[in-house]
Full PDB file with SEQRES, HELIX, SHEET, SSBOND, CRYST1, ORIGX, SCALE, CONECT and MASTER records, all heavy atoms in Angstrom:
SEQRES   1 A   33  VAL GLN GLY ASP HIS MET GLY MET LEU ALA THR VAL ILE          
SEQRES   2 A   33  ASN GLY LEU ALA LEU GLN SER ALA LEU GLU ASP ALA GLY          
SEQRES   3 A   33  ILE PRO THR ARG LEU GLN SER                                  
HELIX    1 AA1 GLN A    2  ASP A   24  1                                  23    
CRYST1    1.000    1.000    1.000  90.00  90.00  90.00 P 1           1          
ORIGX1      1.000000  0.000000  0.000000        0.00000                         
ORIGX2      0.000000  1.000000  0.000000        0.00000                         
ORIGX3      0.000000  0.000000  1.000000        0.00000                         
SCALE1      1.000000  0.000000  0.000000        0.00000                         
SCALE2      0.000000  1.000000  0.000000        0.00000                         
SCALE3      0.000000  0.000000  1.000000        0.00000                         
ATOM      1  N   VAL A   1     115.419  99.548 119.625  1.00  0.00           N  
ATOM      2  CA  VAL A   1     114.722 100.760 120.107  1.00  0.00           C  
ATOM      3  C   VAL A   1     114.586 100.696 121.631  1.00  0.00           C  
ATOM      4  O   VAL A   1     114.865 101.714 122.336  1.00  0.00           O  
ATOM      5  CB  VAL A   1     113.332 100.878 119.463  1.00  0.00           C  
ATOM      6  CG1 VAL A   1     112.561 102.055 120.065  1.00  0.00           C  
ATOM      7  CG2 VAL A   1     113.512 101.097 117.947  1.00  0.00           C  
ATOM      8  N   GLN A   2     114.235  99.513 122.155  1.00  0.00           N  
ATOM      9  CA  GLN A   2     114.162  99.359 123.621  1.00  0.00           C  
ATOM     10  C   GLN A   2     115.523  99.632 124.285  1.00  0.00           C  
ATOM     11  O   GLN A   2     115.616 100.304 125.291  1.00  0.00           O  
ATOM     12  CB  GLN A   2     113.675  97.966 123.986  1.00  0.00           C  
ATOM     13  CG  GLN A   2     112.230  97.660 123.575  1.00  0.00           C  
ATOM     14  CD  GLN A   2     111.234  98.402 124.446  1.00  0.00           C  
ATOM     15  OE1 GLN A   2     110.914  99.543 124.187  1.00  0.00           O  
ATOM     16  NE2 GLN A   2     110.729  97.731 125.464  1.00  0.00           N  
ATOM     17  N   GLY A   3     116.541  99.030 123.659  1.00  0.00           N  
ATOM     18  CA  GLY A   3     117.888  99.225 124.184  1.00  0.00           C  
ATOM     19  C   GLY A   3     118.319 100.654 124.195  1.00  0.00           C  
ATOM     20  O   GLY A   3     118.940 101.134 125.178  1.00  0.00           O  
ATOM     21  N   ASP A   4     118.013 101.377 123.149  1.00  0.00           N  
ATOM     22  CA  ASP A   4     118.409 102.798 123.063  1.00  0.00           C  
ATOM     23  C   ASP A   4     117.635 103.617 124.097  1.00  0.00           C  
ATOM     24  O   ASP A   4     118.212 104.573 124.678  1.00  0.00           O  
ATOM     25  CB  ASP A   4     118.168 103.343 121.660  1.00  0.00           C  
ATOM     26  CG  ASP A   4     119.292 102.987 120.696  1.00  0.00           C  
ATOM     27  OD1 ASP A   4     120.269 102.363 121.158  1.00  0.00           O  
ATOM     28  OD2 ASP A   4     119.180 103.294 119.497  1.00  0.00           O  
ATOM     29  N   HIS A   5     116.393 103.301 124.331  1.00  0.00           N  
ATOM     30  CA  HIS A   5     115.624 104.012 125.360  1.00  0.00           C  
ATOM     31  C   HIS A   5     116.250 103.755 126.766  1.00  0.00           C  
ATOM     32  O   HIS A   5     116.329 104.681 127.598  1.00  0.00           O  
ATOM     33  CB  HIS A   5     114.156 103.594 125.342  1.00  0.00           C  
ATOM     34  CG  HIS A   5     113.363 104.270 124.273  1.00  0.00           C  
ATOM     35  ND1 HIS A   5     112.533 103.606 123.415  1.00  0.00           N  
ATOM     36  CD2 HIS A   5     113.340 105.576 123.887  1.00  0.00           C  
ATOM     37  CE1 HIS A   5     111.979 104.447 122.532  1.00  0.00           C  
ATOM     38  NE2 HIS A   5     112.438 105.654 122.812  1.00  0.00           N  
ATOM     39  N   MET A   6     116.703 102.531 126.981  1.00  0.00           N  
ATOM     40  CA  MET A   6     117.406 102.228 128.248  1.00  0.00           C  
ATOM     41  C   MET A   6     118.680 103.052 128.374  1.00  0.00           C  
ATOM     42  O   MET A   6     119.018 103.572 129.432  1.00  0.00           O  
ATOM     43  CB  MET A   6     117.728 100.749 128.331  1.00  0.00           C  
ATOM     44  CG  MET A   6     116.484  99.859 128.485  1.00  0.00           C  
ATOM     45  SD  MET A   6     116.823  98.113 128.291  1.00  0.00           S  
ATOM     46  CE  MET A   6     117.790  97.794 129.774  1.00  0.00           C  
ATOM     47  N   GLY A   7     119.384 103.178 127.222  1.00  0.00           N  
ATOM     48  CA  GLY A   7     120.616 104.024 127.227  1.00  0.00           C  
ATOM     49  C   GLY A   7     120.330 105.482 127.501  1.00  0.00           C  
ATOM     50  O   GLY A   7     121.106 106.143 128.207  1.00  0.00           O  
ATOM     51  N   MET A   8     119.202 105.994 126.996  1.00  0.00           N  
ATOM     52  CA  MET A   8     118.805 107.375 127.301  1.00  0.00           C  
ATOM     53  C   MET A   8     118.587 107.586 128.766  1.00  0.00           C  
ATOM     54  O   MET A   8     119.004 108.581 129.352  1.00  0.00           O  
ATOM     55  CB  MET A   8     117.536 107.720 126.513  1.00  0.00           C  
ATOM     56  CG  MET A   8     117.691 107.824 125.017  1.00  0.00           C  
ATOM     57  SD  MET A   8     116.067 108.137 124.250  1.00  0.00           S  
ATOM     58  CE  MET A   8     116.322 107.357 122.662  1.00  0.00           C  
ATOM     59  N   LEU A   9     117.909 106.609 129.412  1.00  0.00           N  
ATOM     60  CA  LEU A   9     117.694 106.708 130.867  1.00  0.00           C  
ATOM     61  C   LEU A   9     119.040 106.658 131.604  1.00  0.00           C  
ATOM     62  O   LEU A   9     119.198 107.331 132.618  1.00  0.00           O  
ATOM     63  CB  LEU A   9     116.789 105.572 131.320  1.00  0.00           C  
ATOM     64  CG  LEU A   9     115.337 105.654 130.811  1.00  0.00           C  
ATOM     65  CD1 LEU A   9     114.569 104.389 131.187  1.00  0.00           C  
ATOM     66  CD2 LEU A   9     114.635 106.899 131.384  1.00  0.00           C  
ATOM     67  N   ALA A  10     119.968 105.870 131.117  1.00  0.00           N  
ATOM     68  CA  ALA A  10     121.309 105.834 131.722  1.00  0.00           C  
ATOM     69  C   ALA A  10     121.969 107.187 131.704  1.00  0.00           C  
ATOM     70  O   ALA A  10     122.646 107.595 132.679  1.00  0.00           O  
ATOM     71  CB  ALA A  10     122.188 104.775 131.032  1.00  0.00           C  
ATOM     72  N   THR A  11     121.793 107.936 130.612  1.00  0.00           N  
ATOM     73  CA  THR A  11     122.414 109.279 130.549  1.00  0.00           C  
ATOM     74  C   THR A  11     121.771 110.200 131.533  1.00  0.00           C  
ATOM     75  O   THR A  11     122.457 111.134 132.060  1.00  0.00           O  
ATOM     76  CB  THR A  11     122.326 109.882 129.135  1.00  0.00           C  
ATOM     77  OG1 THR A  11     120.983 110.217 128.828  1.00  0.00           O  
ATOM     78  CG2 THR A  11     122.885 108.945 128.069  1.00  0.00           C  
ATOM     79  N   VAL A  12     120.501 110.028 131.824  1.00  0.00           N  
ATOM     80  CA  VAL A  12     119.823 110.879 132.832  1.00  0.00           C  
ATOM     81  C   VAL A  12     120.386 110.534 134.217  1.00  0.00           C  
ATOM     82  O   VAL A  12     120.652 111.432 135.034  1.00  0.00           O  
ATOM     83  CB  VAL A  12     118.314 110.702 132.780  1.00  0.00           C  
ATOM     84  CG1 VAL A  12     117.649 111.481 133.920  1.00  0.00           C  
ATOM     85  CG2 VAL A  12     117.783 111.152 131.440  1.00  0.00           C  
ATOM     86  N   ILE A  13     120.601 109.248 134.509  1.00  0.00           N  
ATOM     87  CA  ILE A  13     121.215 108.846 135.796  1.00  0.00           C  
ATOM     88  C   ILE A  13     122.584 109.501 135.928  1.00  0.00           C  
ATOM     89  O   ILE A  13     122.900 110.050 136.993  1.00  0.00           O  
ATOM     90  CB  ILE A  13     121.326 107.294 135.867  1.00  0.00           C  
ATOM     91  CG1 ILE A  13     119.933 106.693 135.963  1.00  0.00           C  
ATOM     92  CG2 ILE A  13     122.174 106.890 137.074  1.00  0.00           C  
ATOM     93  CD1 ILE A  13     119.923 105.155 135.816  1.00  0.00           C  
ATOM     94  N   ASN A  14     123.406 109.415 134.887  1.00  0.00           N  
ATOM     95  CA  ASN A  14     124.703 110.068 134.961  1.00  0.00           C  
ATOM     96  C   ASN A  14     124.613 111.562 135.108  1.00  0.00           C  
ATOM     97  O   ASN A  14     125.390 112.204 135.827  1.00  0.00           O  
ATOM     98  CB  ASN A  14     125.513 109.740 133.691  1.00  0.00           C  
ATOM     99  CG  ASN A  14     126.105 108.354 133.704  1.00  0.00           C  
ATOM    100  OD1 ASN A  14     126.257 107.730 134.766  1.00  0.00           O  
ATOM    101  ND2 ASN A  14     126.417 107.824 132.544  1.00  0.00           N  
ATOM    102  N   GLY A  15     123.595 112.180 134.454  1.00  0.00           N  
ATOM    103  CA  GLY A  15     123.405 113.597 134.581  1.00  0.00           C  
ATOM    104  C   GLY A  15     123.037 113.994 135.994  1.00  0.00           C  
ATOM    105  O   GLY A  15     123.537 115.010 136.519  1.00  0.00           O  
ATOM    106  N   LEU A  16     122.218 113.206 136.654  1.00  0.00           N  
ATOM    107  CA  LEU A  16     121.884 113.473 138.038  1.00  0.00           C  
ATOM    108  C   LEU A  16     123.102 113.366 138.941  1.00  0.00           C  
ATOM    109  O   LEU A  16     123.310 114.164 139.867  1.00  0.00           O  
ATOM    110  CB  LEU A  16     120.802 112.483 138.512  1.00  0.00           C  
ATOM    111  CG  LEU A  16     119.379 112.699 137.988  1.00  0.00           C  
ATOM    112  CD1 LEU A  16     118.511 111.483 138.240  1.00  0.00           C  
ATOM    113  CD2 LEU A  16     118.776 113.936 138.660  1.00  0.00           C  
ATOM    114  N   ALA A  17     123.952 112.357 138.697  1.00  0.00           N  
ATOM    115  CA  ALA A  17     125.160 112.184 139.490  1.00  0.00           C  
ATOM    116  C   ALA A  17     126.101 113.358 139.292  1.00  0.00           C  
ATOM    117  O   ALA A  17     126.657 113.896 140.293  1.00  0.00           O  
ATOM    118  CB  ALA A  17     125.841 110.876 139.131  1.00  0.00           C  
ATOM    119  N   LEU A  18     126.281 113.805 138.070  1.00  0.00           N  
ATOM    120  CA  LEU A  18     127.158 114.964 137.800  1.00  0.00           C  
ATOM    121  C   LEU A  18     126.564 116.232 138.368  1.00  0.00           C  
ATOM    122  O   LEU A  18     127.265 117.063 138.935  1.00  0.00           O  
ATOM    123  CB  LEU A  18     127.353 115.088 136.278  1.00  0.00           C  
ATOM    124  CG  LEU A  18     128.326 116.213 135.850  1.00  0.00           C  
ATOM    125  CD1 LEU A  18     129.740 115.991 136.444  1.00  0.00           C  
ATOM    126  CD2 LEU A  18     128.395 116.229 134.307  1.00  0.00           C  
ATOM    127  N   GLN A  19     125.249 116.377 138.251  1.00  0.00           N  
ATOM    128  CA  GLN A  19     124.570 117.543 138.864  1.00  0.00           C  
ATOM    129  C   GLN A  19     124.839 117.626 140.353  1.00  0.00           C  
ATOM    130  O   GLN A  19     125.164 118.691 140.883  1.00  0.00           O  
ATOM    131  CB  GLN A  19     123.081 117.461 138.590  1.00  0.00           C  
ATOM    132  CG  GLN A  19     122.295 118.661 139.126  1.00  0.00           C  
ATOM    133  CD  GLN A  19     120.823 118.547 138.843  1.00  0.00           C  
ATOM    134  OE1 GLN A  19     120.241 117.469 138.963  1.00  0.00           O  
ATOM    135  NE2 GLN A  19     120.198 119.648 138.461  1.00  0.00           N  
ATOM    136  N   SER A  20     124.735 116.494 141.038  1.00  0.00           N  
ATOM    137  CA  SER A  20     124.984 116.477 142.484  1.00  0.00           C  
ATOM    138  C   SER A  20     126.413 116.884 142.805  1.00  0.00           C  
ATOM    139  O   SER A  20     126.661 117.667 143.711  1.00  0.00           O  
ATOM    140  CB  SER A  20     124.701 115.045 143.028  1.00  0.00           C  
ATOM    141  OG  SER A  20     124.948 114.991 144.402  1.00  0.00           O  
ATOM    142  N   ALA A  21     127.387 116.341 142.038  1.00  0.00           N  
ATOM    143  CA  ALA A  21     128.781 116.658 142.269  1.00  0.00           C  
ATOM    144  C   ALA A  21     129.077 118.173 142.039  1.00  0.00           C  
ATOM    145  O   ALA A  21     129.791 118.790 142.811  1.00  0.00           O  
ATOM    146  CB  ALA A  21     129.668 115.809 141.382  1.00  0.00           C  
ATOM    147  N   LEU A  22     128.473 118.701 140.994  1.00  0.00           N  
ATOM    148  CA  LEU A  22     128.677 120.127 140.687  1.00  0.00           C  
ATOM    149  C   LEU A  22     128.083 121.014 141.765  1.00  0.00           C  
ATOM    150  O   LEU A  22     128.681 122.004 142.177  1.00  0.00           O  
ATOM    151  CB  LEU A  22     128.054 120.458 139.317  1.00  0.00           C  
ATOM    152  CG  LEU A  22     128.785 119.882 138.090  1.00  0.00           C  
ATOM    153  CD1 LEU A  22     127.923 120.057 136.864  1.00  0.00           C  
ATOM    154  CD2 LEU A  22     130.129 120.589 137.882  1.00  0.00           C  
ATOM    155  N   GLU A  23     126.895 120.650 142.257  1.00  0.00           N  
ATOM    156  CA  GLU A  23     126.254 121.462 143.282  1.00  0.00           C  
ATOM    157  C   GLU A  23     126.991 121.358 144.619  1.00  0.00           C  
ATOM    158  O   GLU A  23     127.037 122.286 145.374  1.00  0.00           O  
ATOM    159  CB  GLU A  23     124.775 121.088 143.391  1.00  0.00           C  
ATOM    160  CG  GLU A  23     124.017 121.547 142.130  1.00  0.00           C  
ATOM    161  CD  GLU A  23     122.524 121.276 142.218  1.00  0.00           C  
ATOM    162  OE1 GLU A  23     122.078 120.488 143.050  1.00  0.00           O  
ATOM    163  OE2 GLU A  23     121.808 121.900 141.385  1.00  0.00           O  
ATOM    164  N   ASP A  24     127.596 120.180 144.860  1.00  0.00           N  
ATOM    165  CA  ASP A  24     128.456 120.029 146.062  1.00  0.00           C  
ATOM    166  C   ASP A  24     129.620 120.980 146.004  1.00  0.00           C  
ATOM    167  O   ASP A  24     130.170 121.436 147.013  1.00  0.00           O  
ATOM    168  CB  ASP A  24     128.948 118.580 146.219  1.00  0.00           C  
ATOM    169  CG  ASP A  24     127.849 117.666 146.760  1.00  0.00           C  
ATOM    170  OD1 ASP A  24     126.830 118.171 147.246  1.00  0.00           O  
ATOM    171  OD2 ASP A  24     128.016 116.450 146.646  1.00  0.00           O  
ATOM    172  N   ALA A  25     130.051 121.317 144.765  1.00  0.00           N  
ATOM    173  CA  ALA A  25     131.169 122.208 144.555  1.00  0.00           C  
ATOM    174  C   ALA A  25     130.748 123.669 144.513  1.00  0.00           C  
ATOM    175  O   ALA A  25     131.553 124.579 144.266  1.00  0.00           O  
ATOM    176  CB  ALA A  25     131.916 121.857 143.271  1.00  0.00           C  
ATOM    177  N   GLY A  26     129.448 123.899 144.746  1.00  0.00           N  
ATOM    178  CA  GLY A  26     128.938 125.243 144.797  1.00  0.00           C  
ATOM    179  C   GLY A  26     128.522 125.849 143.447  1.00  0.00           C  
ATOM    180  O   GLY A  26     128.429 127.051 143.307  1.00  0.00           O  
ATOM    181  N   ILE A  27     128.328 124.981 142.450  1.00  0.00           N  
ATOM    182  CA  ILE A  27     127.994 125.454 141.103  1.00  0.00           C  
ATOM    183  C   ILE A  27     126.492 125.263 140.855  1.00  0.00           C  
ATOM    184  O   ILE A  27     125.973 124.157 140.988  1.00  0.00           O  
ATOM    185  CB  ILE A  27     128.761 124.656 140.049  1.00  0.00           C  
ATOM    186  CG1 ILE A  27     130.266 124.722 140.294  1.00  0.00           C  
ATOM    187  CG2 ILE A  27     128.428 125.155 138.658  1.00  0.00           C  
ATOM    188  CD1 ILE A  27     131.060 123.716 139.507  1.00  0.00           C  
ATOM    189  N   PRO A  28     125.757 126.333 140.519  1.00  0.00           N  
ATOM    190  CA  PRO A  28     124.332 126.177 140.173  1.00  0.00           C  
ATOM    191  C   PRO A  28     124.157 125.402 138.886  1.00  0.00           C  
ATOM    192  O   PRO A  28     124.933 125.623 137.941  1.00  0.00           O  
ATOM    193  CB  PRO A  28     123.823 127.625 140.081  1.00  0.00           C  
ATOM    194  CG  PRO A  28     125.055 128.418 139.745  1.00  0.00           C  
ATOM    195  CD  PRO A  28     126.217 127.745 140.401  1.00  0.00           C  
ATOM    196  N   THR A  29     123.222 124.504 138.842  1.00  0.00           N  
ATOM    197  CA  THR A  29     123.032 123.648 137.640  1.00  0.00           C  
ATOM    198  C   THR A  29     121.561 123.541 137.252  1.00  0.00           C  
ATOM    199  O   THR A  29     120.675 123.802 138.075  1.00  0.00           O  
ATOM    200  CB  THR A  29     123.590 122.270 137.878  1.00  0.00           C  
ATOM    201  OG1 THR A  29     122.745 121.596 138.817  1.00  0.00           O  
ATOM    202  CG2 THR A  29     125.018 122.236 138.366  1.00  0.00           C  
ATOM    203  N   ARG A  30     121.357 123.079 136.041  1.00  0.00           N  
ATOM    204  CA  ARG A  30     120.059 122.645 135.589  1.00  0.00           C  
ATOM    205  C   ARG A  30     120.257 121.377 134.762  1.00  0.00           C  
ATOM    206  O   ARG A  30     121.168 121.337 133.914  1.00  0.00           O  
ATOM    207  CB  ARG A  30     119.332 123.696 134.746  1.00  0.00           C  
ATOM    208  CG  ARG A  30     118.878 124.898 135.539  1.00  0.00           C  
ATOM    209  CD  ARG A  30     117.783 124.588 136.545  1.00  0.00           C  
ATOM    210  NE  ARG A  30     117.261 125.796 137.186  1.00  0.00           N  
ATOM    211  CZ  ARG A  30     117.786 126.363 138.273  1.00  0.00           C  
ATOM    212  NH1 ARG A  30     118.866 125.824 138.826  1.00  0.00           N  
ATOM    213  NH2 ARG A  30     117.227 127.452 138.784  1.00  0.00           N  
ATOM    214  N   LEU A  31     119.442 120.379 135.008  1.00  0.00           N  
ATOM    215  CA  LEU A  31     119.469 119.168 134.178  1.00  0.00           C  
ATOM    216  C   LEU A  31     118.249 119.207 133.258  1.00  0.00           C  
ATOM    217  O   LEU A  31     117.114 119.303 133.746  1.00  0.00           O  
ATOM    218  CB  LEU A  31     119.431 117.919 135.089  1.00  0.00           C  
ATOM    219  CG  LEU A  31     119.266 116.553 134.375  1.00  0.00           C  
ATOM    220  CD1 LEU A  31     120.450 116.303 133.433  1.00  0.00           C  
ATOM    221  CD2 LEU A  31     119.165 115.449 135.424  1.00  0.00           C  
ATOM    222  N   GLN A  32     118.502 119.131 131.962  1.00  0.00           N  
ATOM    223  CA  GLN A  32     117.401 119.115 130.997  1.00  0.00           C  
ATOM    224  C   GLN A  32     117.441 117.801 130.254  1.00  0.00           C  
ATOM    225  O   GLN A  32     118.513 117.297 129.887  1.00  0.00           O  
ATOM    226  CB  GLN A  32     117.524 120.284 130.003  1.00  0.00           C  
ATOM    227  CG  GLN A  32     117.335 121.633 130.623  1.00  0.00           C  
ATOM    228  CD  GLN A  32     117.100 122.728 129.604  1.00  0.00           C  
ATOM    229  OE1 GLN A  32     117.354 122.580 128.429  1.00  0.00           O  
ATOM    230  NE2 GLN A  32     116.568 123.846 130.038  1.00  0.00           N  
ATOM    231  N   SER A  33     116.266 117.225 130.035  1.00  0.00           N  
ATOM    232  CA  SER A  33     116.174 115.911 129.378  1.00  0.00           C  
ATOM    233  C   SER A  33     115.422 115.995 128.104  1.00  0.00           C  
ATOM    234  O   SER A  33     114.399 116.723 127.975  1.00  0.00           O  
ATOM    235  CB  SER A  33     115.490 114.919 130.333  1.00  0.00           C  
ATOM    236  OG  SER A  33     115.252 113.691 129.658  1.00  0.00           O  
TER     237      SER A  33                                                      
MASTER        0    0    0    1    0    0    0    6  236    1    0    3          
END                                                                             
């Protein structure tokens, strides 16, 4: 359970990184968790 919660946080980190790249390309985004 602890490990899976760590994995969930990892997906949020990746989501933030992808959000930044998309917005750099001029695409409006929303990250939902």
